[in-house]
C-alpha cells in the first residue's frame, strides 16, 4: 500500500519577519516519505510578480525531512525573502505526505496546514 500523493500545492507561503517575540519568524515544508525508494522532490516557487524558480530536494526512504525556507542549505538559491508572497508546488517521483508550517511573530502563533494534493 502506498501513502501520500505525488503533487502538493501550498498557495499561501510567506517568510515572516524575524520577529521580536519569543517565537522567531520562520516557515518550513515537512515531507514524509514512507516508500521504499528515495523521493526526488522538485520545489517550484510561484510569485505574484516574477517568474517561477525551482530546485530539487531528496527525502530518503522511510524518513521525514524538514526544509526551512530561510536556510540556504535547504532552499539554495531559492531561499525566501521575508514578507514576499509566493506559492509552493512540490512534485515527487514517489508518493509523499507534505505539510507547510509557519511561525508567525506578528501574532505570536505557529500553525501548520496540509496542502492541496493530486
PDB file of N, CA and C in Angstrom:
ATOM      1  N   UNK A   1       0.845  -1.184   0.000  1.00  0.00           N
ATOM      2  CA  UNK A   1       0.000   0.000   0.000  1.00  0.00           C
ATOM      3  C   UNK A   1       0.886   1.241   0.000  1.00  0.00           C
ATOM      4  N   UNK A   2       0.520   2.210  -0.817  1.00  0.00           N
ATOM      5  CA  UNK A   2       1.301   3.454  -0.821  1.00  0.00           C
ATOM      6  C   UNK A   2       0.472   4.567  -0.181  1.00  0.00           C
ATOM      7  N   UNK A   3       1.169   5.435   0.513  1.00  0.00           N
ATOM      8  CA  UNK A   3       0.532   6.566   1.178  1.00  0.00           C
ATOM      9  C   UNK A   3       1.065   7.843   0.572  1.00  0.00           C
ATOM     10  N   UNK A   4       0.226   8.848   0.492  1.00  0.00           N
ATOM     11  CA  UNK A   4       0.653  10.147   0.007  1.00  0.00           C
ATOM     12  C   UNK A   4       0.255  10.394  -1.429  1.00  0.00           C
ATOM     13  N   UNK A   5       0.736  11.502  -1.935  1.00  0.00           N
ATOM     14  CA  UNK A   5       0.458  11.945  -3.307  1.00  0.00           C
ATOM     15  C   UNK A   5       1.757  12.452  -3.924  1.00  0.00           C
ATOM     16  N   UNK A   6       1.766  12.546  -5.251  1.00  0.00           N
ATOM     17  CA  UNK A   6       2.975  12.983  -5.954  1.00  0.00           C
ATOM     18  C   UNK A   6       3.042  14.481  -6.187  1.00  0.00           C
ATOM     19  N   UNK A   7       1.910  15.188  -6.113  1.00  0.00           N
ATOM     20  CA  UNK A   7       1.893  16.640  -6.316  1.00  0.00           C
ATOM     21  C   UNK A   7       1.195  17.295  -5.127  1.00  0.00           C
ATOM     22  N   UNK A   8       1.853  18.306  -4.565  1.00  0.00           N
ATOM     23  CA  UNK A   8       1.303  19.085  -3.452  1.00  0.00           C
ATOM     24  C   UNK A   8       1.439  20.561  -3.775  1.00  0.00           C
ATOM     25  N   UNK A   9       0.410  21.345  -3.451  1.00  0.00           N
ATOM     26  CA  UNK A   9       0.455  22.792  -3.668  1.00  0.00           C
ATOM     27  C   UNK A   9       0.062  23.507  -2.376  1.00  0.00           C
ATOM     28  N   UNK A  10       0.887  24.482  -2.020  1.00  0.00           N
ATOM     29  CA  UNK A  10       0.634  25.337  -0.863  1.00  0.00           C
ATOM     30  C   UNK A  10       0.496  26.764  -1.381  1.00  0.00           C
ATOM     31  N   UNK A  11      -0.728  27.288  -1.476  1.00  0.00           N
ATOM     32  CA  UNK A  11      -0.941  28.579  -2.124  1.00  0.00           C
ATOM     33  C   UNK A  11      -0.548  29.794  -1.288  1.00  0.00           C
ATOM     34  N   UNK A  12      -0.363  29.638   0.023  1.00  0.00           N
ATOM     35  CA  UNK A  12      -0.086  30.800   0.875  1.00  0.00           C
ATOM     36  C   UNK A  12       1.231  30.609   1.605  1.00  0.00           C
ATOM     37  N   UNK A  13       2.322  30.971   0.949  1.00  0.00           N
ATOM     38  CA  UNK A  13       3.633  30.922   1.591  1.00  0.00           C
ATOM     39  C   UNK A  13       4.169  32.344   1.699  1.00  0.00           C
ATOM     40  N   UNK A  14       4.812  32.607   2.817  1.00  0.00           N
ATOM     41  CA  UNK A  14       5.428  33.916   3.037  1.00  0.00           C
ATOM     42  C   UNK A  14       6.324  33.795   4.257  1.00  0.00           C
ATOM     43  N   UNK A  15       7.605  34.032   4.070  1.00  0.00           N
ATOM     44  CA  UNK A  15       8.532  34.026   5.191  1.00  0.00           C
ATOM     45  C   UNK A  15       8.252  35.249   6.053  1.00  0.00           C
ATOM     46  N   UNK A  16       7.817  35.046   7.309  1.00  0.00           N
ATOM     47  CA  UNK A  16       7.551  36.215   8.157  1.00  0.00           C
ATOM     48  C   UNK A  16       8.853  36.895   8.577  1.00  0.00           C
ATOM     49  N   UNK A  17       8.762  38.133   9.073  1.00  0.00           N
ATOM     50  CA  UNK A  17       9.973  38.814   9.537  1.00  0.00           C
ATOM     51  C   UNK A  17      10.557  38.088  10.745  1.00  0.00           C
ATOM     52  N   UNK A  18      11.783  38.426  11.074  1.00  0.00           N
ATOM     53  CA  UNK A  18      12.485  37.744  12.167  1.00  0.00           C
ATOM     54  C   UNK A  18      11.714  37.800  13.481  1.00  0.00           C
ATOM     55  N   UNK A  19      11.060  38.895  13.772  1.00  0.00           N
ATOM     56  CA  UNK A  19      10.236  38.998  14.977  1.00  0.00           C
ATOM     57  C   UNK A  19      11.005  39.457  16.189  1.00  0.00           C
ATOM     58  N   UNK A  20      10.264  39.941  17.147  1.00  0.00           N
ATOM     59  CA  UNK A  20      10.842  40.405  18.403  1.00  0.00           C
ATOM     60  C   UNK A  20      10.257  39.627  19.574  1.00  0.00           C
ATOM     61  N   UNK A  21       9.377  38.702  19.294  1.00  0.00           N
ATOM     62  CA  UNK A  21       8.723  37.928  20.342  1.00  0.00           C
ATOM     63  C   UNK A  21       9.491  36.642  20.619  1.00  0.00           C
ATOM     64  N   UNK A  22       8.939  35.828  21.484  1.00  0.00           N
ATOM     65  CA  UNK A  22       9.577  34.567  21.856  1.00  0.00           C
ATOM     66  C   UNK A  22       9.665  33.596  20.684  1.00  0.00           C
ATOM     67  N   UNK A  23       8.774  33.737  19.718  1.00  0.00           N
ATOM     68  CA  UNK A  23       8.779  32.843  18.558  1.00  0.00           C
ATOM     69  C   UNK A  23       9.512  33.539  17.417  1.00  0.00           C
ATOM     70  N   UNK A  24      10.675  33.010  17.005  1.00  0.00           N
ATOM     71  CA  UNK A  24      11.328  33.622  15.853  1.00  0.00           C
ATOM     72  C   UNK A  24      10.552  33.299  14.582  1.00  0.00           C
ATOM     73  N   UNK A  25      10.408  34.267  13.693  1.00  0.00           N
ATOM     74  CA  UNK A  25       9.673  34.035  12.461  1.00  0.00           C
ATOM     75  C   UNK A  25      10.401  33.066  11.547  1.00  0.00           C
ATOM     76  N   UNK A  26       9.684  32.065  11.072  1.00  0.00           N
ATOM     77  CA  UNK A  26      10.236  31.143  10.075  1.00  0.00           C
ATOM     78  C   UNK A  26       9.104  30.363   9.436  1.00  0.00           C
ATOM     79  N   UNK A  27       9.420  29.692   8.338  1.00  0.00           N
ATOM     80  CA  UNK A  27       8.469  28.787   7.703  1.00  0.00           C
ATOM     81  C   UNK A  27       9.234  27.561   7.231  1.00  0.00           C
ATOM     82  N   UNK A  28       8.498  26.461   7.073  1.00  0.00           N
ATOM     83  CA  UNK A  28       9.134  25.223   6.649  1.00  0.00           C
ATOM     84  C   UNK A  28       8.143  24.334   5.912  1.00  0.00           C
ATOM     85  N   UNK A  29       8.697  23.424   5.140  1.00  0.00           N
ATOM     86  CA  UNK A  29       7.922  22.381   4.487  1.00  0.00           C
ATOM     87  C   UNK A  29       8.426  21.069   5.057  1.00  0.00           C
ATOM     88  N   UNK A  30       7.503  20.260   5.557  1.00  0.00           N
ATOM     89  CA  UNK A  30       7.846  18.978   6.148  1.00  0.00           C
ATOM     90  C   UNK A  30       7.338  17.887   5.214  1.00  0.00           C
ATOM     91  N   UNK A  31       8.246  16.991   4.826  1.00  0.00           N
ATOM     92  CA  UNK A  31       7.906  15.925   3.882  1.00  0.00           C
ATOM     93  C   UNK A  31       8.170  14.581   4.540  1.00  0.00           C
ATOM     94  N   UNK A  32       7.188  13.688   4.446  1.00  0.00           N
ATOM     95  CA  UNK A  32       7.356  12.319   4.921  1.00  0.00           C
ATOM     96  C   UNK A  32       7.316  11.384   3.723  1.00  0.00           C
ATOM     97  N   UNK A  33       8.321  10.530   3.642  1.00  0.00           N
ATOM     98  CA  UNK A  33       8.413   9.549   2.561  1.00  0.00           C
ATOM     99  C   UNK A  33       8.326   8.159   3.184  1.00  0.00           C
ATOM    100  N   UNK A  34       7.191   7.480   3.010  1.00  0.00           N
ATOM    101  CA  UNK A  34       7.037   6.133   3.563  1.00  0.00           C
ATOM    102  C   UNK A  34       7.213   5.050   2.499  1.00  0.00           C
ATOM    103  N   UNK A  35       7.769   5.424   1.353  1.00  0.00           N
ATOM    104  CA  UNK A  35       8.034   4.432   0.305  1.00  0.00           C
ATOM    105  C   UNK A  35       9.399   3.777   0.545  1.00  0.00           C
ATOM    106  N   UNK A  36       9.719   2.826  -0.285  1.00  0.00           N
ATOM    107  CA  UNK A  36      10.998   2.123  -0.187  1.00  0.00           C
ATOM    108  C   UNK A  36      12.068   2.705  -1.091  1.00  0.00           C
ATOM    109  N   UNK A  37      11.775   3.840  -1.739  1.00  0.00           N
ATOM    110  CA  UNK A  37      12.794   4.480  -2.569  1.00  0.00           C
ATOM    111  C   UNK A  37      12.888   5.964  -2.234  1.00  0.00           C
ATOM    112  N   UNK A  38      14.022   6.546  -2.576  1.00  0.00           N
ATOM    113  CA  UNK A  38      14.260   7.958  -2.298  1.00  0.00           C
ATOM    114  C   UNK A  38      13.285   8.827  -3.093  1.00  0.00           C
ATOM    115  N   UNK A  39      12.690   9.782  -2.420  1.00  0.00           N
ATOM    116  CA  UNK A  39      11.818  10.744  -3.093  1.00  0.00           C
ATOM    117  C   UNK A  39      12.678  11.861  -3.669  1.00  0.00           C
ATOM    118  N   UNK A  40      12.538  12.075  -4.974  1.00  0.00           N
ATOM    119  CA  UNK A  40      13.174  13.202  -5.657  1.00  0.00           C
ATOM    120  C   UNK A  40      12.081  14.255  -5.794  1.00  0.00           C
ATOM    121  N   UNK A  41      12.178  15.320  -5.022  1.00  0.00           N
ATOM    122  CA  UNK A  41      11.098  16.305  -4.949  1.00  0.00           C
ATOM    123  C   UNK A  41      11.538  17.609  -5.612  1.00  0.00           C
ATOM    124  N   UNK A  42      10.775  18.015  -6.622  1.00  0.00           N
ATOM    125  CA  UNK A  42      11.013  19.303  -7.282  1.00  0.00           C
ATOM    126  C   UNK A  42      10.133  20.347  -6.601  1.00  0.00           C
ATOM    127  N   UNK A  43      10.755  21.380  -6.063  1.00  0.00           N
ATOM    128  CA  UNK A  43      10.060  22.517  -5.470  1.00  0.00           C
ATOM    129  C   UNK A  43       9.985  23.611  -6.525  1.00  0.00           C
ATOM    130  N   UNK A  44       8.811  24.146  -6.772  1.00  0.00           N
ATOM    131  CA  UNK A  44       8.661  25.309  -7.643  1.00  0.00           C
ATOM    132  C   UNK A  44       8.013  26.418  -6.827  1.00  0.00           C
ATOM    133  N   UNK A  45       8.667  27.565  -6.776  1.00  0.00           N
ATOM    134  CA  UNK A  45       8.142  28.739  -6.084  1.00  0.00           C
ATOM    135  C   UNK A  45       7.492  29.628  -7.133  1.00  0.00           C
ATOM    136  N   UNK A  46       6.226  29.953  -6.916  1.00  0.00           N
ATOM    137  CA  UNK A  46       5.431  30.743  -7.861  1.00  0.00           C
ATOM    138  C   UNK A  46       5.123  32.087  -7.197  1.00  0.00           C
ATOM    139  N   UNK A  47       5.538  33.169  -7.843  1.00  0.00           N
ATOM    140  CA  UNK A  47       5.440  34.503  -7.254  1.00  0.00           C
ATOM    141  C   UNK A  47       4.305  35.324  -7.863  1.00  0.00           C
ATOM    142  N   UNK A  48       3.997  36.418  -7.211  1.00  0.00           N
ATOM    143  CA  UNK A  48       2.971  37.328  -7.715  1.00  0.00           C
ATOM    144  C   UNK A  48       3.502  38.211  -8.843  1.00  0.00           C
ATOM    145  N   UNK A  49       4.814  38.480  -8.848  1.00  0.00           N
ATOM    146  CA  UNK A  49       5.332  39.496  -9.778  1.00  0.00           C
ATOM    147  C   UNK A  49       6.638  39.127 -10.478  1.00  0.00           C
ATOM    148  N   UNK A  50       7.033  37.842 -10.444  1.00  0.00           N
ATOM    149  CA  UNK A  50       8.230  37.428 -11.172  1.00  0.00           C
ATOM    150  C   UNK A  50       8.101  35.964 -11.572  1.00  0.00           C
ATOM    151  N   UNK A  51       8.997  35.529 -12.427  1.00  0.00           N
ATOM    152  CA  UNK A  51       8.940  34.171 -12.954  1.00  0.00           C
ATOM    153  C   UNK A  51       9.201  33.125 -11.861  1.00  0.00           C
ATOM    154  N   UNK A  52       8.582  31.949 -11.982  1.00  0.00           N
ATOM    155  CA  UNK A  52       8.820  30.869 -11.016  1.00  0.00           C
ATOM    156  C   UNK A  52      10.281  30.413 -11.031  1.00  0.00           C
ATOM    157  N   UNK A  53      10.727  29.885  -9.896  1.00  0.00           N
ATOM    158  CA  UNK A  53      12.053  29.279  -9.772  1.00  0.00           C
ATOM    159  C   UNK A  53      11.888  27.903  -9.149  1.00  0.00           C
ATOM    160  N   UNK A  54      12.840  27.004  -9.442  1.00  0.00           N
ATOM    161  CA  UNK A  54      12.734  25.626  -8.949  1.00  0.00           C
ATOM    162  C   UNK A  54      14.056  25.130  -8.396  1.00  0.00           C
ATOM    163  N   UNK A  55      13.964  24.134  -7.528  1.00  0.00           N
ATOM    164  CA  UNK A  55      15.131  23.410  -7.032  1.00  0.00           C
ATOM    165  C   UNK A  55      14.698  22.005  -6.652  1.00  0.00           C
ATOM    166  N   UNK A  56      15.651  21.117  -6.473  1.00  0.00           N
ATOM    167  CA  UNK A  56      15.383  19.722  -6.130  1.00  0.00           C
ATOM    168  C   UNK A  56      15.823  19.438  -4.695  1.00  0.00           C
ATOM    169  N   UNK A  57      15.097  18.530  -4.039  1.00  0.00           N
ATOM    170  CA  UNK A  57      15.463  18.043  -2.715  1.00  0.00           C
ATOM    171  C   UNK A  57      15.167  16.551  -2.662  1.00  0.00           C
ATOM    172  N   UNK A  58      15.882  15.832  -1.824  1.00  0.00           N
ATOM    173  CA  UNK A  58      15.665  14.400  -1.654  1.00  0.00           C
ATOM    174  C   UNK A  58      15.185  14.101  -0.246  1.00  0.00           C
ATOM    175  N   UNK A  59      14.348  13.078  -0.154  1.00  0.00           N
ATOM    176  CA  UNK A  59      13.930  12.556   1.148  1.00  0.00           C
ATOM    177  C   UNK A  59      14.144  11.047   1.085  1.00  0.00           C
ATOM    178  N   UNK A  60      14.958  10.542   1.968  1.00  0.00           N
ATOM    179  CA  UNK A  60      15.304   9.121   1.973  1.00  0.00           C
ATOM    180  C   UNK A  60      14.069   8.258   2.253  1.00  0.00           C
ATOM    181  N   UNK A  61      14.134   6.980   1.890  1.00  0.00           N
ATOM    182  CA  UNK A  61      13.013   6.074   2.170  1.00  0.00           C
ATOM    183  C   UNK A  61      12.722   5.988   3.671  1.00  0.00           C
ATOM    184  N   UNK A  62      11.454   5.938   4.014  1.00  0.00           N
ATOM    185  CA  UNK A  62      11.003   5.805   5.407  1.00  0.00           C
ATOM    186  C   UNK A  62      11.611   6.864   6.326  1.00  0.00           C
ATOM    187  N   UNK A  63      11.648   8.105   5.809  1.00  0.00           N
ATOM    188  CA  UNK A  63      12.205   9.221   6.576  1.00  0.00           C
ATOM    189  C   UNK A  63      11.306  10.446   6.453  1.00  0.00           C
ATOM    190  N   UNK A  64      11.540  11.392   7.358  1.00  0.00           N
ATOM    191  CA  UNK A  64      10.886  12.700   7.308  1.00  0.00           C
ATOM    192  C   UNK A  64      11.982  13.745   7.169  1.00  0.00           C
ATOM    193  N   UNK A  65      11.673  14.822   6.447  1.00  0.00           N
ATOM    194  CA  UNK A  65      12.644  15.901   6.273  1.00  0.00           C
ATOM    195  C   UNK A  65      11.928  17.234   6.380  1.00  0.00           C
ATOM    196  N   UNK A  66      12.536  18.139   7.120  1.00  0.00           N
ATOM    197  CA  UNK A  66      12.015  19.488   7.290  1.00  0.00           C
ATOM    198  C   UNK A  66      12.950  20.437   6.563  1.00  0.00           C
ATOM    199  N   UNK A  67      12.399  21.204   5.626  1.00  0.00           N
ATOM    200  CA  UNK A  67      13.190  22.175   4.870  1.00  0.00           C
ATOM    201  C   UNK A  67      12.716  23.575   5.236  1.00  0.00           C
ATOM    202  N   UNK A  68      13.618  24.383   5.755  1.00  0.00           N
ATOM    203  CA  UNK A  68      13.300  25.750   6.153  1.00  0.00           C
ATOM    204  C   UNK A  68      13.580  26.692   4.993  1.00  0.00           C
ATOM    205  N   UNK A  69      12.610  27.538   4.671  1.00  0.00           N
ATOM    206  CA  UNK A  69      12.734  28.413   3.503  1.00  0.00           C
ATOM    207  C   UNK A  69      13.789  29.501   3.675  1.00  0.00           C
ATOM    208  N   UNK A  70      14.185  29.791   4.908  1.00  0.00           N
ATOM    209  CA  UNK A  70      15.195  30.825   5.144  1.00  0.00           C
ATOM    210  C   UNK A  70      16.599  30.246   5.285  1.00  0.00           C
ATOM    211  N   UNK A  71      16.747  28.954   5.039  1.00  0.00           N
ATOM    212  CA  UNK A  71      18.053  28.294   5.162  1.00  0.00           C
ATOM    213  C   UNK A  71      18.596  27.955   3.777  1.00  0.00           C
ATOM    214  N   UNK A  72      19.694  28.589   3.361  1.00  0.00           N
ATOM    215  CA  UNK A  72      20.271  28.274   2.055  1.00  0.00           C
ATOM    216  C   UNK A  72      20.626  26.793   1.903  1.00  0.00           C
ATOM    217  N   UNK A  73      20.969  26.123   2.983  1.00  0.00           N
ATOM    218  CA  UNK A  73      21.284  24.691   2.896  1.00  0.00           C
ATOM    219  C   UNK A  73      20.050  23.855   2.556  1.00  0.00           C
ATOM    220  N   UNK A  74      18.845  24.404   2.750  1.00  0.00           N
ATOM    221  CA  UNK A  74      17.607  23.719   2.395  1.00  0.00           C
ATOM    222  C   UNK A  74      17.034  24.211   1.066  1.00  0.00           C
ATOM    223  N   UNK A  75      16.945  25.541   0.875  1.00  0.00           N
ATOM    224  CA  UNK A  75      16.302  26.120  -0.301  1.00  0.00           C
ATOM    225  C   UNK A  75      17.296  26.642  -1.343  1.00  0.00           C
ATOM    226  N   UNK A  76      18.589  26.596  -1.053  1.00  0.00           N
ATOM    227  CA  UNK A  76      19.605  27.007  -2.022  1.00  0.00           C
ATOM    228  C   UNK A  76      19.398  28.422  -2.530  1.00  0.00           C
ATOM    229  N   UNK A  77      19.524  28.582  -3.852  1.00  0.00           N
ATOM    230  CA  UNK A  77      19.363  29.899  -4.475  1.00  0.00           C
ATOM    231  C   UNK A  77      17.930  30.410  -4.372  1.00  0.00           C
ATOM    232  N   UNK A  78      16.995  29.556  -3.957  1.00  0.00           N
ATOM    233  CA  UNK A  78      15.577  29.942  -3.836  1.00  0.00           C
ATOM    234  C   UNK A  78      15.215  30.365  -2.413  1.00  0.00           C
ATOM    235  N   UNK A  79      16.219  30.589  -1.564  1.00  0.00           N
ATOM    236  CA  UNK A  79      15.956  30.989  -0.182  1.00  0.00           C
ATOM    237  C   UNK A  79      14.983  32.162  -0.157  1.00  0.00           C
ATOM    238  N   UNK A  80      13.961  32.051   0.673  1.00  0.00           N
ATOM    239  CA  UNK A  80      12.879  33.038   0.713  1.00  0.00           C
ATOM    240  C   UNK A  80      13.349  34.390   1.240  1.00  0.00           C
ATOM    241  N   UNK A  81      12.660  35.424   0.789  1.00  0.00           N
ATOM    242  CA  UNK A  81      12.860  36.790   1.250  1.00  0.00           C
ATOM    243  C   UNK A  81      11.703  37.114   2.185  1.00  0.00           C
ATOM    244  N   UNK A  82      11.994  37.691   3.340  1.00  0.00           N
ATOM    245  CA  UNK A  82      10.955  37.989   4.326  1.00  0.00           C
ATOM    246  C   UNK A  82       9.840  38.836   3.723  1.00  0.00           C
ATOM    247  N   UNK A  83       8.617  38.433   4.025  1.00  0.00           N
ATOM    248  CA  UNK A  83       7.384  39.132   3.652  1.00  0.00           C
ATOM    249  C   UNK A  83       7.111  39.172   2.139  1.00  0.00           C
ATOM    250  N   UNK A  84       7.707  38.259   1.385  1.00  0.00           N
ATOM    251  CA  UNK A  84       7.418  38.146  -0.044  1.00  0.00           C
ATOM    252  C   UNK A  84       6.415  37.013  -0.251  1.00  0.00           C
ATOM    253  N   UNK A  85       5.296  37.332  -0.848  1.00  0.00           N
ATOM    254  CA  UNK A  85       4.225  36.355  -1.076  1.00  0.00           C
ATOM    255  C   UNK A  85       4.593  35.421  -2.225  1.00  0.00           C
ATOM    256  N   UNK A  86       4.383  34.123  -2.019  1.00  0.00           N
ATOM    257  CA  UNK A  86       4.586  33.149  -3.076  1.00  0.00           C
ATOM    258  C   UNK A  86       3.770  31.899  -2.769  1.00  0.00           C
ATOM    259  N   UNK A  87       3.716  31.003  -3.723  1.00  0.00           N
ATOM    260  CA  UNK A  87       3.083  29.698  -3.538  1.00  0.00           C
ATOM    261  C   UNK A  87       4.147  28.640  -3.799  1.00  0.00           C
ATOM    262  N   UNK A  88       3.921  27.449  -3.259  1.00  0.00           N
ATOM    263  CA  UNK A  88       4.849  26.343  -3.448  1.00  0.00           C
ATOM    264  C   UNK A  88       4.150  25.188  -4.149  1.00  0.00           C
ATOM    265  N   UNK A  89       4.837  24.601  -5.129  1.00  0.00           N
ATOM    266  CA  UNK A  89       4.355  23.368  -5.737  1.00  0.00           C
ATOM    267  C   UNK A  89       5.458  22.326  -5.575  1.00  0.00           C
ATOM    268  N   UNK A  90       5.095  21.166  -5.048  1.00  0.00           N
ATOM    269  CA  UNK A  90       6.024  20.062  -4.885  1.00  0.00           C
ATOM    270  C   UNK A  90       5.609  18.942  -5.828  1.00  0.00           C
ATOM    271  N   UNK A  91       6.562  18.414  -6.595  1.00  0.00           N
ATOM    272  CA  UNK A  91       6.312  17.295  -7.494  1.00  0.00           C
ATOM    273  C   UNK A  91       7.332  16.213  -7.187  1.00  0.00           C
ATOM    274  N   UNK A  92       6.851  15.008  -6.866  1.00  0.00           N
ATOM    275  CA  UNK A  92       7.721  13.923  -6.432  1.00  0.00           C
ATOM    276  C   UNK A  92       7.599  12.706  -7.348  1.00  0.00           C
ATOM    277  N   UNK A  93       8.663  11.950  -7.436  1.00  0.00           N
ATOM    278  CA  UNK A  93       8.657  10.715  -8.216  1.00  0.00           C
ATOM    279  C   UNK A  93       7.923   9.581  -7.503  1.00  0.00           C
ATOM    280  N   UNK A  94       7.769   9.679  -6.185  1.00  0.00           N
ATOM    281  CA  UNK A  94       7.030   8.691  -5.397  1.00  0.00           C
ATOM    282  C   UNK A  94       6.016   9.429  -4.523  1.00  0.00           C
ATOM    283  N   UNK A  95       4.960   8.772  -4.084  1.00  0.00           N
ATOM    284  CA  UNK A  95       4.002   9.454  -3.203  1.00  0.00           C
ATOM    285  C   UNK A  95       4.673   9.897  -1.897  1.00  0.00           C
ATOM    286  N   UNK A  96       4.371  11.119  -1.485  1.00  0.00           N
ATOM    287  CA  UNK A  96       4.859  11.688  -0.229  1.00  0.00           C
ATOM    288  C   UNK A  96       3.687  12.342   0.496  1.00  0.00           C
ATOM    289  N   UNK A  97       3.879  12.649   1.760  1.00  0.00           N
ATOM    290  CA  UNK A  97       2.934  13.467   2.513  1.00  0.00           C
ATOM    291  C   UNK A  97       3.672  14.755   2.854  1.00  0.00           C
ATOM    292  N   UNK A  98       3.050  15.905   2.562  1.00  0.00           N
ATOM    293  CA  UNK A  98       3.711  17.193   2.769  1.00  0.00           C
ATOM    294  C   UNK A  98       2.826  18.109   3.612  1.00  0.00           C
ATOM    295  N   UNK A  99       3.498  18.958   4.364  1.00  0.00           N
ATOM    296  CA  UNK A  99       2.816  19.900   5.245  1.00  0.00           C
ATOM    297  C   UNK A  99       3.628  21.185   5.274  1.00  0.00           C
ATOM    298  N   UNK A 100       2.938  22.310   5.374  1.00  0.00           N
ATOM    299  CA  UNK A 100       3.585  23.616   5.463  1.00  0.00           C
ATOM    300  C   UNK A 100       3.394  24.145   6.873  1.00  0.00           C
ATOM    301  N   UNK A 101       4.435  24.753   7.437  1.00  0.00           N
ATOM    302  CA  UNK A 101       4.333  25.341   8.764  1.00  0.00           C
ATOM    303  C   UNK A 101       4.931  26.729   8.792  1.00  0.00           C
ATOM    304  N   UNK A 102       4.345  27.595   9.600  1.00  0.00           N
ATOM    305  CA  UNK A 102       4.847  28.968   9.731  1.00  0.00           C
ATOM    306  C   UNK A 102       4.799  29.380  11.195  1.00  0.00           C
ATOM    307  N   UNK A 103       5.917  29.915  11.686  1.00  0.00           N
ATOM    308  CA  UNK A 103       5.958  30.561  12.996  1.00  0.00           C
ATOM    309  C   UNK A 103       5.806  32.049  12.729  1.00  0.00           C
ATOM    310  N   UNK A 104       4.717  32.598  13.188  1.00  0.00           N
ATOM    311  CA  UNK A 104       4.323  33.964  12.846  1.00  0.00           C
ATOM    312  C   UNK A 104       4.499  34.880  14.057  1.00  0.00           C
ATOM    313  N   UNK A 105       5.596  35.659  14.110  1.00  0.00           N
ATOM    314  CA  UNK A 105       5.838  36.508  15.280  1.00  0.00           C
ATOM    315  C   UNK A 105       4.926  37.722  15.361  1.00  0.00           C
ATOM    316  N   UNK A 106       4.286  38.108  14.242  1.00  0.00           N
ATOM    317  CA  UNK A 106       3.411  39.288  14.271  1.00  0.00           C
ATOM    318  C   UNK A 106       2.163  39.027  15.103  1.00  0.00           C
ATOM    319  N   UNK A 107       1.778  37.755  15.203  1.00  0.00           N
ATOM    320  CA  UNK A 107       0.610  37.394  16.014  1.00  0.00           C
ATOM    321  C   UNK A 107       0.979  36.379  17.090  1.00  0.00           C
ATOM    322  N   UNK A 108       2.253  36.090  17.233  1.00  0.00           N
ATOM    323  CA  UNK A 108       2.770  35.095  18.174  1.00  0.00           C
ATOM    324  C   UNK A 108       2.004  33.775  18.021  1.00  0.00           C
ATOM    325  N   UNK A 109       2.135  33.193  16.850  1.00  0.00           N
ATOM    326  CA  UNK A 109       1.423  31.945  16.560  1.00  0.00           C
ATOM    327  C   UNK A 109       2.303  31.019  15.735  1.00  0.00           C
ATOM    328  N   UNK A 110       2.021  29.735  15.839  1.00  0.00           N
ATOM    329  CA  UNK A 110       2.642  28.741  14.969  1.00  0.00           C
ATOM    330  C   UNK A 110       1.512  27.895  14.415  1.00  0.00           C
ATOM    331  N   UNK A 111       1.508  27.713  13.120  1.00  0.00           N
ATOM    332  CA  UNK A 111       0.468  26.871  12.546  1.00  0.00           C
ATOM    333  C   UNK A 111       1.027  26.041  11.406  1.00  0.00           C
ATOM    334  N   UNK A 112       0.336  24.951  11.140  1.00  0.00           N
ATOM    335  CA  UNK A 112       0.681  24.093  10.014  1.00  0.00           C
ATOM    336  C   UNK A 112      -0.575  23.871   9.206  1.00  0.00           C
ATOM    337  N   UNK A 113      -0.382  23.517   7.949  1.00  0.00           N
ATOM    338  CA  UNK A 113      -1.518  23.250   7.087  1.00  0.00           C
ATOM    339  C   UNK A 113      -1.137  22.213   6.047  1.00  0.00           C
ATOM    340  N   UNK A 114      -2.030  21.297   5.781  1.00  0.00           N
ATOM    341  CA  UNK A 114      -1.783  20.395   4.637  1.00  0.00           C
ATOM    342  C   UNK A 114      -2.067  21.177   3.364  1.00  0.00           C
ATOM    343  N   UNK A 115      -1.453  20.776   2.291  1.00  0.00           N
ATOM    344  CA  UNK A 115      -1.677  21.436   1.008  1.00  0.00           C
ATOM    345  C   UNK A 115      -2.722  20.725   0.186  1.00  0.00           C
ATOM    346  N   UNK A 116      -2.978  21.243  -0.975  1.00  0.00           N
ATOM    347  CA  UNK A 116      -3.825  20.575  -1.959  1.00  0.00           C
ATOM    348  C   UNK A 116      -2.949  19.519  -2.606  1.00  0.00           C
ATOM    349  N   UNK A 117      -3.483  18.336  -2.825  1.00  0.00           N
ATOM    350  CA  UNK A 117      -2.672  17.276  -3.416  1.00  0.00           C
ATOM    351  C   UNK A 117      -3.426  16.555  -4.520  1.00  0.00           C
ATOM    352  N   UNK A 118      -2.675  16.004  -5.456  1.00  0.00           N
ATOM    353  CA  UNK A 118      -3.204  15.228  -6.570  1.00  0.00           C
ATOM    354  C   UNK A 118      -2.551  13.871  -6.574  1.00  0.00           C
TER     355      UNK A 118
END
